[in-house]
Amino acid sequence: MSELEERLSRVERELAEIRNRNRRVEVDKAWETSLIRSISIAIITYFLAAVVLWVIGAANALLGALIPTLGYVLSVQSLPVVKRWWMRKGNL
C-alpha cells in the first residue's frame, strides 16, 4: 500500500469515528430533551419526596411531594425559554 493510500485509509477511519461520535452525541441530546426522560424524573422525584416526607412523619406526605415535583416540571418547561433568551443576548 502506498503512502497516499495509507493516509487516505487513516482519514476515512477518522471520518467514520467522527460520524459515530456525532451519532452518539445526537442520541444523547435527544434523550436529554425527551419527554420520557422528564416524566421519568418527575415520577422518581415525587416518589422519593413522598417517601422522605412519610418517613419524617410530615402531614399530607403525598400532597407535599407535589411541591418538588412541580418545581422540577416547571423548571424543565421554562429552561428552553431561558436558553433562547440567553442566546439572543449574545451569550452564545
C-alpha atoms as a PDB file:
ATOM      1  CA  MET A   1       0.000   0.000   0.000  1.00  0.00           C
ATOM      2  CA  SER A   2       1.370   3.394  -0.947  1.00  0.00           C
ATOM      3  CA  GLU A   3       1.773   6.254   1.482  1.00  0.00           C
ATOM      4  CA  LEU A   4      -1.122   8.077  -0.160  1.00  0.00           C
ATOM      5  CA  GLU A   5      -3.405   5.037   0.246  1.00  0.00           C
ATOM      6  CA  GLU A   6      -2.395   4.710   3.893  1.00  0.00           C
ATOM      7  CA  ARG A   7      -3.150   8.371   4.538  1.00  0.00           C
ATOM      8  CA  LEU A   8      -6.483   8.084   2.743  1.00  0.00           C
ATOM      9  CA  SER A   9      -7.342   5.000   4.772  1.00  0.00           C
ATOM     10  CA  ARG A  10      -6.447   6.812   8.016  1.00  0.00           C
ATOM     11  CA  VAL A  11      -8.567   9.830   7.053  1.00  0.00           C
ATOM     12  CA  GLU A  12     -11.510   7.539   6.219  1.00  0.00           C
ATOM     13  CA  ARG A  13     -11.197   5.809   9.621  1.00  0.00           C
ATOM     14  CA  GLU A  14     -11.050   9.153  11.407  1.00  0.00           C
ATOM     15  CA  LEU A  15     -14.089  10.377   9.475  1.00  0.00           C
ATOM     16  CA  ALA A  16     -16.014   7.227  10.424  1.00  0.00           C
ATOM     17  CA  GLU A  17     -15.062   7.779  14.089  1.00  0.00           C
ATOM     18  CA  ILE A  18     -16.267  11.386  13.915  1.00  0.00           C
ATOM     19  CA  ARG A  19     -19.572  10.303  12.360  1.00  0.00           C
ATOM     20  CA  ASN A  20     -20.047   7.647  15.051  1.00  0.00           C
ATOM     21  CA  ARG A  21     -19.315  10.205  17.757  1.00  0.00           C
ATOM     22  CA  ASN A  22     -21.788  12.659  16.208  1.00  0.00           C
ATOM     23  CA  ARG A  23     -24.484   9.961  16.199  1.00  0.00           C
ATOM     24  CA  ARG A  24     -23.850   9.244  19.875  1.00  0.00           C
ATOM     25  CA  VAL A  25     -23.982  12.966  20.700  1.00  0.00           C
ATOM     26  CA  GLU A  26     -27.261  13.334  18.785  1.00  0.00           C
ATOM     27  CA  VAL A  27     -28.802  10.384  20.649  1.00  0.00           C
ATOM     28  CA  ASP A  28     -27.614  11.773  23.999  1.00  0.00           C
ATOM     29  CA  LYS A  29     -29.085  15.187  23.155  1.00  0.00           C
ATOM     30  CA  ALA A  30     -32.385  13.613  22.099  1.00  0.00           C
ATOM     31  CA  TRP A  31     -32.521  11.749  25.419  1.00  0.00           C
ATOM     32  CA  GLU A  32     -31.714  14.890  27.425  1.00  0.00           C
ATOM     33  CA  THR A  33     -34.640  16.735  25.855  1.00  0.00           C
ATOM     34  CA  SER A  34     -37.081  13.817  25.651  1.00  0.00           C
ATOM     35  CA  LEU A  35     -40.498  13.829  27.260  1.00  0.00           C
ATOM     36  CA  ILE A  36     -39.925  10.273  28.538  1.00  0.00           C
ATOM     37  CA  ARG A  37     -36.844  11.439  30.494  1.00  0.00           C
ATOM     38  CA  SER A  38     -38.689  14.409  32.006  1.00  0.00           C
ATOM     39  CA  ILE A  39     -41.685  12.296  33.023  1.00  0.00           C
ATOM     40  CA  SER A  40     -39.415   9.604  34.489  1.00  0.00           C
ATOM     41  CA  ILE A  41     -37.530  12.145  36.596  1.00  0.00           C
ATOM     42  CA  ALA A  42     -40.798  13.744  37.750  1.00  0.00           C
ATOM     43  CA  ILE A  43     -42.153  10.339  38.844  1.00  0.00           C
ATOM     44  CA  ILE A  44     -38.926   9.455  40.657  1.00  0.00           C
ATOM     45  CA  THR A  45     -38.864  12.898  42.312  1.00  0.00           C
ATOM     46  CA  TYR A  46     -42.452  12.519  43.501  1.00  0.00           C
ATOM     47  CA  PHE A  47     -41.869   9.004  44.836  1.00  0.00           C
ATOM     48  CA  LEU A  48     -38.675   9.909  46.704  1.00  0.00           C
ATOM     49  CA  ALA A  49     -40.160  13.102  48.143  1.00  0.00           C
ATOM     50  CA  ALA A  50     -43.263  11.190  49.295  1.00  0.00           C
ATOM     51  CA  VAL A  51     -41.120   8.530  50.974  1.00  0.00           C
ATOM     52  CA  VAL A  52     -38.948  11.098  52.737  1.00  0.00           C
ATOM     53  CA  LEU A  53     -41.968  13.082  53.909  1.00  0.00           C
ATOM     54  CA  TRP A  54     -43.676   9.893  55.096  1.00  0.00           C
ATOM     55  CA  VAL A  55     -40.522   8.752  56.963  1.00  0.00           C
ATOM     56  CA  ILE A  56     -40.198  12.059  58.802  1.00  0.00           C
ATOM     57  CA  GLY A  57     -43.893  11.967  59.658  1.00  0.00           C
ATOM     58  CA  ALA A  58     -44.987  15.014  57.712  1.00  0.00           C
ATOM     59  CA  ALA A  59     -48.703  15.548  57.385  1.00  0.00           C
ATOM     60  CA  ASN A  60     -50.068  15.053  53.870  1.00  0.00           C
ATOM     61  CA  ALA A  61     -46.848  13.493  52.569  1.00  0.00           C
ATOM     62  CA  LEU A  62     -48.397  12.616  49.216  1.00  0.00           C
ATOM     63  CA  LEU A  63     -49.641  16.151  48.707  1.00  0.00           C
ATOM     64  CA  GLY A  64     -46.382  17.687  49.934  1.00  0.00           C
ATOM     65  CA  ALA A  65     -44.407  15.576  47.471  1.00  0.00           C
ATOM     66  CA  LEU A  66     -46.052  17.521  44.663  1.00  0.00           C
ATOM     67  CA  ILE A  67     -44.077  20.654  45.550  1.00  0.00           C
ATOM     68  CA  PRO A  68     -40.586  19.484  44.465  1.00  0.00           C
ATOM     69  CA  THR A  69     -42.127  17.570  41.564  1.00  0.00           C
ATOM     70  CA  LEU A  70     -43.931  20.644  40.254  1.00  0.00           C
ATOM     71  CA  GLY A  71     -40.770  22.673  40.758  1.00  0.00           C
ATOM     72  CA  TYR A  72     -38.877  20.239  38.567  1.00  0.00           C
ATOM     73  CA  VAL A  73     -41.580  20.181  35.881  1.00  0.00           C
ATOM     74  CA  LEU A  74     -41.796  23.985  35.794  1.00  0.00           C
ATOM     75  CA  SER A  75     -38.025  24.362  35.576  1.00  0.00           C
ATOM     76  CA  VAL A  76     -37.835  21.886  32.692  1.00  0.00           C
ATOM     77  CA  GLN A  77     -40.593  23.733  30.852  1.00  0.00           C
ATOM     78  CA  SER A  78     -39.066  27.162  31.377  1.00  0.00           C
ATOM     79  CA  LEU A  79     -35.436  26.343  30.582  1.00  0.00           C
ATOM     80  CA  PRO A  80     -35.828  26.310  26.779  1.00  0.00           C
ATOM     81  CA  VAL A  81     -37.296  29.814  27.000  1.00  0.00           C
ATOM     82  CA  VAL A  82     -34.451  30.984  29.250  1.00  0.00           C
ATOM     83  CA  LYS A  83     -31.893  29.378  26.906  1.00  0.00           C
ATOM     84  CA  ARG A  84     -33.302  31.194  23.857  1.00  0.00           C
ATOM     85  CA  TRP A  85     -33.273  34.488  25.772  1.00  0.00           C
ATOM     86  CA  TRP A  86     -29.686  33.890  26.898  1.00  0.00           C
ATOM     87  CA  MET A  87     -28.568  33.079  23.348  1.00  0.00           C
ATOM     88  CA  ARG A  88     -30.268  36.204  21.950  1.00  0.00           C
ATOM     89  CA  LYS A  89     -28.374  38.320  24.479  1.00  0.00           C
ATOM     90  CA  GLY A  90     -25.164  37.286  22.724  1.00  0.00           C
ATOM     91  CA  ASN A  91     -24.000  34.713  25.250  1.00  0.00           C
ATOM     92  CA  LEU A  92     -23.653  32.093  22.552  1.00  0.00           C
END
